[in-house]
Amino acid sequence: MERIKKWVTSNLDIKILALFMAIILWFYISSEYNIISEKYFEIEVNPINLNEGLSIKEIREKVSVGIKGPQNVIENLTASKISGTVDLHNIEEVGEYLVGVDIVPPKNTEIIKIIPEDFRVMIEKIISKEYIIDYNLIGLPEKGYSLKKEPEIVPKEVLIIAPESVHNIIAQVRVDIDISAINRDIDKEERVIVYTKDNNVLENLRMSPEKAFISIEVREGYPEKILEIKPRIIGKPAPGFYISKIEANPNSFKVYGEYTKITHIDFLETMPIDVNGISKTLTVKVPPIVFEGLYLAEDQENLAEVQIHVEEKEEEKIFQNIEIEPREASPFIHYQLIPATADVKVAGKSSNINSLKEEDIKIFVNLSDTNKETVKIEAELPLNINLVDINPDFATVSIKK
């Protein structure tokens, strides 16, 4: 008993201070738990339970959530500790739906607000579709060698299972085959790559198969082909002129080269020929453009003589209200023509039409037969000008004796 009493009474001032500090700490902690705080968090939305065969085309990725709770809890809370889900098990068809988010509040907290409470989700179908596998060759075989035929690809098609919107942006499904410096037949597997219309690669697609077996046969030498020559024209002839005919001599060239290059080309273009401002036949000698992997055969000319023929355009023009001249009229009779003027449409070479003036056009009626009440309107035109139409083409004659 004495020992206990001694222990209690020894260092009494220190023990009283410790007790006092403990009481203060307890009150501080209690007050922290009693202070209520609010804070908003941007949390991710996770869709769940969507029926098989459907896919989410568009959905909101985050919502703003207001959480209320003790201040010390709220201050230590992060968005990653708050979970939000959207249950889509009731959706069975494609379309647009309004859905809400389910949020589990952290312990000792409650949700005071979700912004927005409802949001739109777009649902689309998952579609299975087959695509032909194309190929893209990289590089060229060793010099003196070429492909014997097109690469053989097995299988020729691939099945892609993806949302409809993904199928809509697929532009090409292909394998890239490196044939750089090869000089023998090769067999290998290549990954099937899916490209969008913007030439971006679509990753993580469900497709079968993911690889294709490639077989390539190589031979010594190159295949040959005769290709038509097509002159490439730039610029425009002089105003009022047009290109009427283009002739090339020779009109074809023999080429040889890599199989895949020569197979997919049907003609050769020349170097550009500038026809800007020409008004007569132009004759030039130009080389054909030969792409990488193709070569001109040596036993032939390497230039084409090209003749560009131009002709002047035919144009039409309307002259309005040209006065009708009475001819072969009796001097003792007063004639009145209705109408007294007519419109005349003429045609001719551009230079002739552009220099034609109103006074160069004469229209008239023959009044030698005084018994006629209507007479045909005729025209006298300069050389190289042709009549297209007179409107009206008849005039009424009124006679006063």
Protein backbone atom coordinates (compact mmCIF):
# COMPACT_ATOMS: atom_id res chain seq x y z
CA MET A 1 0.00 0.00 0.00
CA GLU A 2 2.81 2.34 0.89
CA ARG A 3 4.46 1.56 -2.44
CA ILE A 4 1.28 2.52 -4.39
CA LYS A 5 0.87 5.70 -2.36
CA LYS A 6 4.50 6.58 -2.99
CA TRP A 7 4.09 6.00 -6.73
CA VAL A 8 0.96 8.20 -6.86
CA THR A 9 2.51 11.07 -4.91
CA SER A 10 5.92 11.01 -6.63
CA ASN A 11 6.29 13.48 -9.55
CA LEU A 12 2.74 14.61 -8.88
CA ASP A 13 3.14 17.90 -10.76
CA ILE A 14 4.25 16.11 -13.95
CA LYS A 15 1.37 13.65 -13.76
CA ILE A 16 -1.19 16.43 -13.24
CA LEU A 17 0.27 18.26 -16.31
CA ALA A 18 0.04 15.09 -18.43
CA LEU A 19 -3.58 14.58 -17.38
CA PHE A 20 -4.35 18.18 -18.24
CA MET A 21 -2.76 17.83 -21.69
CA ALA A 22 -4.69 14.60 -22.34
CA ILE A 23 -7.96 16.35 -21.49
CA ILE A 24 -7.12 19.24 -23.87
CA LEU A 25 -6.21 16.76 -26.67
CA TRP A 26 -9.45 14.87 -26.15
CA PHE A 27 -11.47 18.09 -26.45
CA TYR A 28 -9.54 19.07 -29.61
CA ILE A 29 -10.14 15.73 -31.29
CA SER A 30 -13.79 15.78 -30.30
CA SER A 31 -14.22 19.25 -31.76
CA GLU A 32 -12.57 18.14 -35.05
CA TYR A 33 -15.13 15.35 -35.40
CA ASN A 34 -17.95 17.71 -34.58
CA ILE A 35 -17.01 20.26 -37.32
CA ILE A 36 -18.91 19.35 -40.52
CA SER A 37 -17.34 20.25 -43.88
CA GLU A 38 -18.43 20.03 -47.53
CA LYS A 39 -16.36 19.52 -50.68
CA TYR A 40 -16.97 18.73 -54.37
CA PHE A 41 -15.04 16.05 -56.26
CA GLU A 42 -14.79 15.15 -59.97
CA ILE A 43 -15.18 11.39 -60.04
CA GLU A 44 -15.02 8.88 -62.88
CA VAL A 45 -18.18 7.14 -64.04
CA ASN A 46 -17.93 3.40 -64.68
CA PRO A 47 -20.68 1.79 -66.80
CA ILE A 48 -21.61 -1.78 -65.82
CA ASN A 49 -23.91 -4.64 -66.88
CA LEU A 50 -24.38 -3.66 -70.54
CA ASN A 51 -26.03 -6.47 -72.49
CA GLU A 52 -23.86 -8.56 -74.84
CA GLY A 53 -24.02 -7.37 -78.45
CA LEU A 54 -24.27 -3.69 -77.45
CA SER A 55 -21.58 -1.07 -76.99
CA ILE A 56 -21.36 2.44 -75.58
CA LYS A 57 -20.85 4.98 -78.35
CA GLU A 58 -20.97 8.07 -76.13
CA ILE A 59 -21.21 8.59 -72.36
CA ARG A 60 -20.14 11.19 -69.84
CA GLU A 61 -16.85 10.17 -68.24
CA LYS A 62 -17.03 12.23 -65.02
CA VAL A 63 -19.58 13.86 -62.71
CA SER A 64 -19.21 16.39 -59.89
CA VAL A 65 -20.17 15.04 -56.46
CA GLY A 66 -20.72 17.05 -53.27
CA ILE A 67 -19.69 15.17 -50.09
CA LYS A 68 -20.47 16.24 -46.50
CA GLY A 69 -18.80 14.86 -43.39
CA PRO A 70 -16.39 15.55 -40.52
CA GLN A 71 -13.73 18.06 -41.49
CA ASN A 72 -10.80 15.76 -40.84
CA VAL A 73 -12.40 13.04 -43.03
CA ILE A 74 -13.24 15.42 -45.88
CA GLU A 75 -9.74 16.94 -45.90
CA ASN A 76 -8.16 13.49 -46.31
CA LEU A 77 -10.64 12.39 -48.99
CA THR A 78 -9.62 12.08 -52.68
CA ALA A 79 -11.68 11.44 -55.82
CA SER A 80 -10.07 8.00 -56.25
CA LYS A 81 -11.71 6.87 -52.99
CA ILE A 82 -15.21 7.59 -54.33
CA SER A 83 -16.77 5.10 -56.76
CA GLY A 84 -19.50 5.91 -59.28
CA THR A 85 -21.29 3.36 -61.49
CA VAL A 86 -23.97 3.48 -64.16
CA ASP A 87 -26.05 0.30 -64.34
CA LEU A 88 -27.11 -0.36 -67.95
CA HIS A 89 -28.72 -3.80 -67.52
CA ASN A 90 -32.17 -2.50 -68.55
CA ILE A 91 -30.99 -1.30 -71.96
CA GLU A 92 -31.71 -3.87 -74.68
CA GLU A 93 -31.66 -1.84 -77.93
CA VAL A 94 -29.54 0.77 -79.66
CA GLY A 95 -30.51 4.37 -79.08
CA GLU A 96 -30.17 7.33 -76.77
CA TYR A 97 -30.99 7.02 -73.07
CA LEU A 98 -31.01 9.22 -69.97
CA VAL A 99 -29.26 7.53 -67.05
CA GLY A 100 -28.25 8.32 -63.50
CA VAL A 101 -25.10 7.45 -61.58
CA ASP A 102 -24.91 5.39 -58.37
CA ILE A 103 -22.28 6.65 -55.92
CA VAL A 104 -21.13 4.92 -52.73
CA PRO A 105 -20.17 7.61 -50.17
CA PRO A 106 -17.08 7.01 -48.02
CA LYS A 107 -17.56 5.98 -44.40
CA ASN A 108 -18.97 8.69 -42.07
CA THR A 109 -19.94 10.90 -45.05
CA GLU A 110 -23.03 11.56 -47.11
CA ILE A 111 -23.74 12.79 -50.65
CA ILE A 112 -25.39 16.21 -50.86
CA LYS A 113 -25.35 16.80 -54.63
CA ILE A 114 -24.55 15.08 -57.96
CA ILE A 115 -24.01 17.31 -61.00
CA PRO A 116 -25.55 16.37 -63.33
CA GLU A 117 -28.04 14.01 -61.75
CA ASP A 118 -28.90 12.48 -65.16
CA PHE A 119 -26.93 12.42 -68.40
CA ARG A 120 -27.16 11.03 -71.90
CA VAL A 121 -25.71 7.73 -73.07
CA MET A 122 -25.62 6.58 -76.72
CA ILE A 123 -25.80 2.83 -77.32
CA GLU A 124 -24.82 1.12 -80.58
CA LYS A 125 -24.56 -2.41 -81.92
CA ILE A 126 -21.48 -4.58 -81.97
CA ILE A 127 -21.12 -5.87 -85.51
CA SER A 128 -19.12 -8.75 -86.99
CA LYS A 129 -17.75 -7.94 -90.45
CA GLU A 130 -15.22 -9.52 -92.80
CA TYR A 131 -12.55 -7.45 -94.55
CA ILE A 132 -10.24 -8.40 -97.41
CA ILE A 133 -6.61 -8.29 -96.32
CA ASP A 134 -4.55 -5.94 -98.54
CA TYR A 135 -0.79 -5.73 -98.51
CA ASN A 136 1.86 -3.04 -98.55
CA LEU A 137 5.36 -3.86 -99.75
CA ILE A 138 8.30 -2.16 -98.08
CA GLY A 139 11.57 -1.89 -100.00
CA LEU A 140 12.73 -3.71 -103.16
CA PRO A 141 14.32 -7.12 -103.77
CA GLU A 142 18.04 -7.40 -104.37
CA LYS A 143 19.16 -5.84 -107.66
CA GLY A 144 18.50 -8.25 -110.53
CA TYR A 145 15.58 -9.92 -108.74
CA SER A 146 11.85 -9.27 -108.75
CA LEU A 147 8.66 -10.83 -107.45
CA LYS A 148 7.37 -13.61 -109.66
CA LYS A 149 3.76 -12.78 -108.76
CA GLU A 150 1.73 -11.01 -106.13
CA PRO A 151 2.25 -12.18 -102.54
CA GLU A 152 -0.10 -14.95 -101.47
CA ILE A 153 -1.99 -14.16 -98.26
CA VAL A 154 -3.74 -16.84 -96.19
CA PRO A 155 -6.43 -16.26 -95.13
CA LYS A 156 -7.58 -13.62 -97.60
CA GLU A 157 -10.10 -12.12 -95.14
CA VAL A 158 -10.21 -11.20 -91.48
CA LEU A 159 -13.25 -11.04 -89.18
CA ILE A 160 -13.49 -7.90 -87.05
CA ILE A 161 -15.95 -7.68 -84.15
CA ALA A 162 -16.40 -4.05 -83.13
CA PRO A 163 -18.99 -1.31 -82.51
CA GLU A 164 -20.69 0.06 -85.62
CA SER A 165 -18.95 3.45 -85.25
CA VAL A 166 -15.56 1.72 -85.40
CA HIS A 167 -16.49 -0.10 -88.61
CA ASN A 168 -17.48 3.26 -90.10
CA ILE A 169 -13.94 4.63 -89.80
CA ILE A 170 -12.07 1.56 -91.04
CA ALA A 171 -10.45 2.35 -94.39
CA GLN A 172 -8.06 -0.55 -94.92
CA VAL A 173 -7.01 -3.85 -93.39
CA ARG A 174 -3.53 -4.90 -94.50
CA VAL A 175 -0.23 -6.56 -93.78
CA ASP A 176 3.06 -4.70 -94.23
CA ILE A 177 5.64 -6.94 -95.92
CA ASP A 178 9.33 -6.04 -95.92
CA ILE A 179 10.97 -7.39 -99.11
CA SER A 180 14.14 -5.31 -98.87
CA ALA A 181 17.11 -7.05 -100.56
CA ILE A 182 15.47 -10.50 -100.73
CA ASN A 183 16.77 -12.91 -103.39
CA ARG A 184 14.83 -16.08 -102.61
CA ASP A 185 11.32 -17.29 -101.84
CA ILE A 186 10.13 -16.54 -98.31
CA ASP A 187 7.26 -17.67 -96.07
CA LYS A 188 6.41 -15.80 -92.89
CA GLU A 189 3.65 -14.52 -90.63
CA GLU A 190 2.73 -10.84 -90.46
CA ARG A 191 0.46 -8.95 -88.08
CA VAL A 192 -2.82 -7.74 -89.58
CA ILE A 193 -3.11 -3.97 -89.12
CA VAL A 194 -6.32 -1.95 -89.31
CA TYR A 195 -6.11 1.63 -90.59
CA THR A 196 -8.63 4.46 -90.33
CA LYS A 197 -9.48 6.96 -93.08
CA ASP A 198 -6.89 9.28 -91.48
CA ASN A 199 -4.27 6.52 -91.74
CA ASN A 200 -4.22 5.98 -87.98
CA VAL A 201 -3.85 2.46 -86.57
CA LEU A 202 -6.78 1.01 -84.62
CA GLU A 203 -5.50 -0.97 -81.66
CA ASN A 204 -7.09 -3.54 -79.32
CA LEU A 205 -9.64 -4.79 -81.83
CA ARG A 206 -11.28 -8.20 -81.62
CA MET A 207 -10.34 -9.86 -84.88
CA SER A 208 -9.66 -13.31 -86.20
CA PRO A 209 -7.03 -14.08 -87.23
CA GLU A 210 -4.62 -11.51 -85.82
CA LYS A 211 -1.83 -12.70 -88.14
CA ALA A 212 -1.76 -13.84 -91.76
CA PHE A 213 0.58 -16.30 -93.47
CA ILE A 214 2.52 -14.67 -96.33
CA SER A 215 4.16 -16.52 -99.21
CA ILE A 216 6.45 -14.64 -101.63
CA GLU A 217 8.08 -16.08 -104.76
CA VAL A 218 11.15 -14.38 -106.26
CA ARG A 219 12.75 -14.75 -109.68
CA GLU A 220 15.84 -13.47 -111.45
CA GLY A 221 15.24 -10.68 -113.99
CA TYR A 222 12.27 -8.38 -114.47
CA PRO A 223 8.91 -8.60 -116.26
CA GLU A 224 8.29 -6.26 -119.22
CA LYS A 225 5.27 -4.22 -120.28
CA ILE A 226 4.39 -1.75 -123.06
CA LEU A 227 2.78 1.38 -121.64
CA GLU A 228 0.93 4.17 -123.43
CA ILE A 229 2.45 7.64 -123.08
CA LYS A 230 0.20 10.44 -121.83
CA PRO A 231 1.56 13.99 -122.18
CA ARG A 232 1.03 16.05 -119.02
CA ILE A 233 -0.19 19.54 -119.88
CA ILE A 234 -0.01 22.58 -117.59
CA GLY A 235 -1.29 26.10 -118.24
CA LYS A 236 -3.91 27.32 -120.72
CA PRO A 237 -3.70 28.48 -124.35
CA ALA A 238 -4.20 32.14 -125.26
CA PRO A 239 -7.70 33.57 -124.65
CA GLY A 240 -10.11 32.40 -127.36
CA PHE A 241 -8.06 29.26 -128.14
CA TYR A 242 -8.38 25.64 -127.02
CA ILE A 243 -6.37 22.42 -127.37
CA SER A 244 -7.94 20.44 -130.19
CA LYS A 245 -5.56 17.47 -130.35
CA ILE A 246 -2.45 16.06 -128.65
CA GLU A 247 -0.17 13.62 -130.47
CA ALA A 248 2.91 11.80 -129.16
CA ASN A 249 5.56 9.94 -131.16
CA PRO A 250 6.28 7.30 -130.04
CA ASN A 251 2.93 6.84 -128.32
CA SER A 252 4.15 4.02 -126.07
CA PHE A 253 7.29 2.83 -124.27
CA LYS A 254 8.56 -0.56 -123.22
CA VAL A 255 9.42 -0.76 -119.52
CA TYR A 256 10.67 -3.46 -117.20
CA GLY A 257 10.98 -3.65 -113.44
CA GLU A 258 9.66 -4.89 -110.13
CA TYR A 259 6.55 -7.07 -110.52
CA THR A 260 4.38 -5.17 -108.06
CA LYS A 261 5.30 -1.84 -109.67
CA ILE A 262 4.74 -2.87 -113.27
CA THR A 263 1.51 -4.73 -112.52
CA HIS A 264 -0.29 -1.71 -111.12
CA ILE A 265 0.67 0.87 -113.75
CA ASP A 266 -1.23 1.32 -117.04
CA PHE A 267 0.46 4.35 -118.63
CA LEU A 268 3.40 6.73 -118.36
CA GLU A 269 3.14 10.49 -118.04
CA THR A 270 5.63 12.89 -119.61
CA MET A 271 7.39 15.69 -117.86
CA PRO A 272 5.01 18.70 -117.66
CA ILE A 273 4.54 20.67 -120.90
CA ASP A 274 3.67 24.36 -120.42
CA VAL A 275 1.07 25.54 -122.98
CA ASN A 276 0.34 28.85 -121.30
CA GLY A 277 -0.55 31.54 -123.87
CA ILE A 278 0.05 29.48 -127.04
CA SER A 279 -2.07 30.27 -130.12
CA LYS A 280 -0.52 27.82 -132.62
CA THR A 281 0.74 24.24 -132.69
CA LEU A 282 3.50 23.56 -130.16
CA THR A 283 6.06 20.75 -130.73
CA VAL A 284 8.39 19.63 -127.92
CA LYS A 285 10.48 16.59 -127.00
CA VAL A 286 10.05 15.39 -123.43
CA PRO A 287 11.03 12.28 -121.43
CA PRO A 288 8.50 10.02 -119.74
CA ILE A 289 8.40 9.91 -115.95
CA VAL A 290 9.51 6.47 -114.70
CA PHE A 291 8.85 5.63 -111.05
CA GLU A 292 11.21 3.87 -108.66
CA GLY A 293 11.46 0.17 -109.44
CA LEU A 294 10.74 0.64 -113.18
CA TYR A 295 13.20 1.14 -116.04
CA LEU A 296 12.96 2.06 -119.74
CA ALA A 297 14.09 -0.66 -122.12
CA GLU A 298 17.37 0.33 -123.75
CA ASP A 299 16.44 -0.56 -127.37
CA GLN A 300 14.18 2.47 -127.90
CA GLU A 301 14.00 6.25 -127.88
CA ASN A 302 13.97 7.84 -124.42
CA LEU A 303 12.15 11.01 -125.54
CA ALA A 304 8.65 11.48 -126.95
CA GLU A 305 7.92 14.17 -129.54
CA VAL A 306 4.65 15.77 -128.49
CA GLN A 307 2.53 18.03 -130.69
CA ILE A 308 -0.16 20.15 -129.06
CA HIS A 309 -2.62 21.46 -131.65
CA VAL A 310 -4.73 24.51 -130.80
CA GLU A 311 -7.69 26.04 -132.57
CA GLU A 312 -9.62 29.22 -132.12
CA LYS A 313 -12.87 28.85 -130.24
CA GLU A 314 -16.24 29.32 -131.89
CA GLU A 315 -18.27 31.90 -130.02
CA GLU A 316 -21.78 33.31 -130.26
CA LYS A 317 -22.99 36.84 -129.66
CA ILE A 318 -26.40 38.55 -129.67
CA PHE A 319 -26.93 42.04 -131.08
CA GLN A 320 -30.20 43.55 -129.94
CA ASN A 321 -32.61 46.01 -131.55
CA ILE A 322 -31.01 46.10 -135.00
CA GLU A 323 -33.10 48.28 -137.31
CA ILE A 324 -34.81 46.40 -140.17
CA GLU A 325 -34.09 47.95 -143.57
CA PRO A 326 -36.89 47.82 -146.24
CA ARG A 327 -35.60 46.87 -149.71
CA GLU A 328 -37.14 46.82 -153.19
CA ALA A 329 -39.90 49.08 -151.85
CA SER A 330 -42.09 51.21 -154.20
CA PRO A 331 -41.36 54.94 -153.81
CA PHE A 332 -45.12 55.65 -154.07
CA ILE A 333 -46.11 53.48 -151.13
CA HIS A 334 -45.59 54.23 -147.45
CA TYR A 335 -44.59 51.08 -145.59
CA GLN A 336 -44.63 50.45 -141.86
CA LEU A 337 -42.83 47.38 -140.41
CA ILE A 338 -43.95 45.78 -137.18
CA PRO A 339 -41.60 45.31 -135.40
CA ALA A 340 -39.15 47.84 -136.71
CA THR A 341 -36.14 46.09 -135.07
CA ALA A 342 -34.98 42.55 -134.37
CA ASP A 343 -32.33 40.69 -132.33
CA VAL A 344 -29.60 38.88 -134.24
CA LYS A 345 -27.51 35.99 -132.91
CA VAL A 346 -24.27 35.31 -134.81
CA ALA A 347 -21.35 32.89 -134.49
CA GLY A 348 -17.74 32.77 -135.60
CA LYS A 349 -14.14 32.56 -134.51
CA SER A 350 -13.43 34.32 -131.25
CA SER A 351 -11.26 37.03 -132.83
CA ASN A 352 -13.87 37.76 -135.51
CA ILE A 353 -16.72 37.91 -133.01
CA ASN A 354 -14.78 40.20 -130.67
CA SER A 355 -14.05 42.69 -133.49
CA LEU A 356 -17.61 42.62 -134.86
CA LYS A 357 -19.60 45.86 -134.47
CA GLU A 358 -23.31 46.53 -134.61
CA GLU A 359 -23.03 48.55 -137.82
CA ASP A 360 -21.43 45.52 -139.52
CA ILE A 361 -24.74 43.66 -139.29
CA LYS A 362 -27.47 44.43 -141.81
CA ILE A 363 -30.96 42.96 -141.60
CA PHE A 364 -33.67 43.66 -144.18
CA VAL A 365 -36.98 42.63 -145.69
CA ASN A 366 -37.79 42.40 -149.44
CA LEU A 367 -40.90 44.48 -150.20
CA SER A 368 -41.05 43.88 -153.96
CA ASP A 369 -44.27 41.91 -153.52
CA THR A 370 -46.79 44.45 -152.20
CA ASN A 371 -49.44 41.78 -151.62
CA LYS A 372 -47.59 40.13 -148.74
CA GLU A 373 -48.70 41.02 -145.22
CA THR A 374 -45.73 39.26 -143.55
CA VAL A 375 -42.19 39.07 -144.88
CA LYS A 376 -39.12 37.13 -143.81
CA ILE A 377 -36.32 39.06 -142.15
CA GLU A 378 -32.96 38.35 -143.78
CA ALA A 379 -29.38 39.26 -142.87
CA GLU A 380 -26.17 40.36 -144.55
CA LEU A 381 -23.09 39.53 -142.46
CA PRO A 382 -19.33 40.03 -142.84
CA LEU A 383 -17.16 37.21 -144.14
CA ASN A 384 -16.50 34.39 -141.60
CA ILE A 385 -19.53 35.40 -139.52
CA ASN A 386 -22.46 32.96 -139.52
CA LEU A 387 -26.10 33.63 -138.75
CA VAL A 388 -27.52 31.61 -135.89
CA ASP A 389 -30.93 33.20 -135.37
CA ILE A 390 -33.08 36.29 -135.99
CA ASN A 391 -35.79 37.03 -133.45
CA PRO A 392 -38.43 37.56 -134.62
CA ASP A 393 -37.77 36.08 -138.05
CA PHE A 394 -40.86 37.66 -139.72
CA ALA A 395 -42.21 41.21 -139.81
CA THR A 396 -45.76 42.45 -140.48
CA VAL A 397 -46.11 44.97 -143.32
CA SER A 398 -48.63 47.84 -143.07
CA ILE A 399 -49.19 49.78 -146.34
CA LYS A 400 -50.51 53.31 -146.66
CA LYS A 401 -51.05 54.52 -150.27
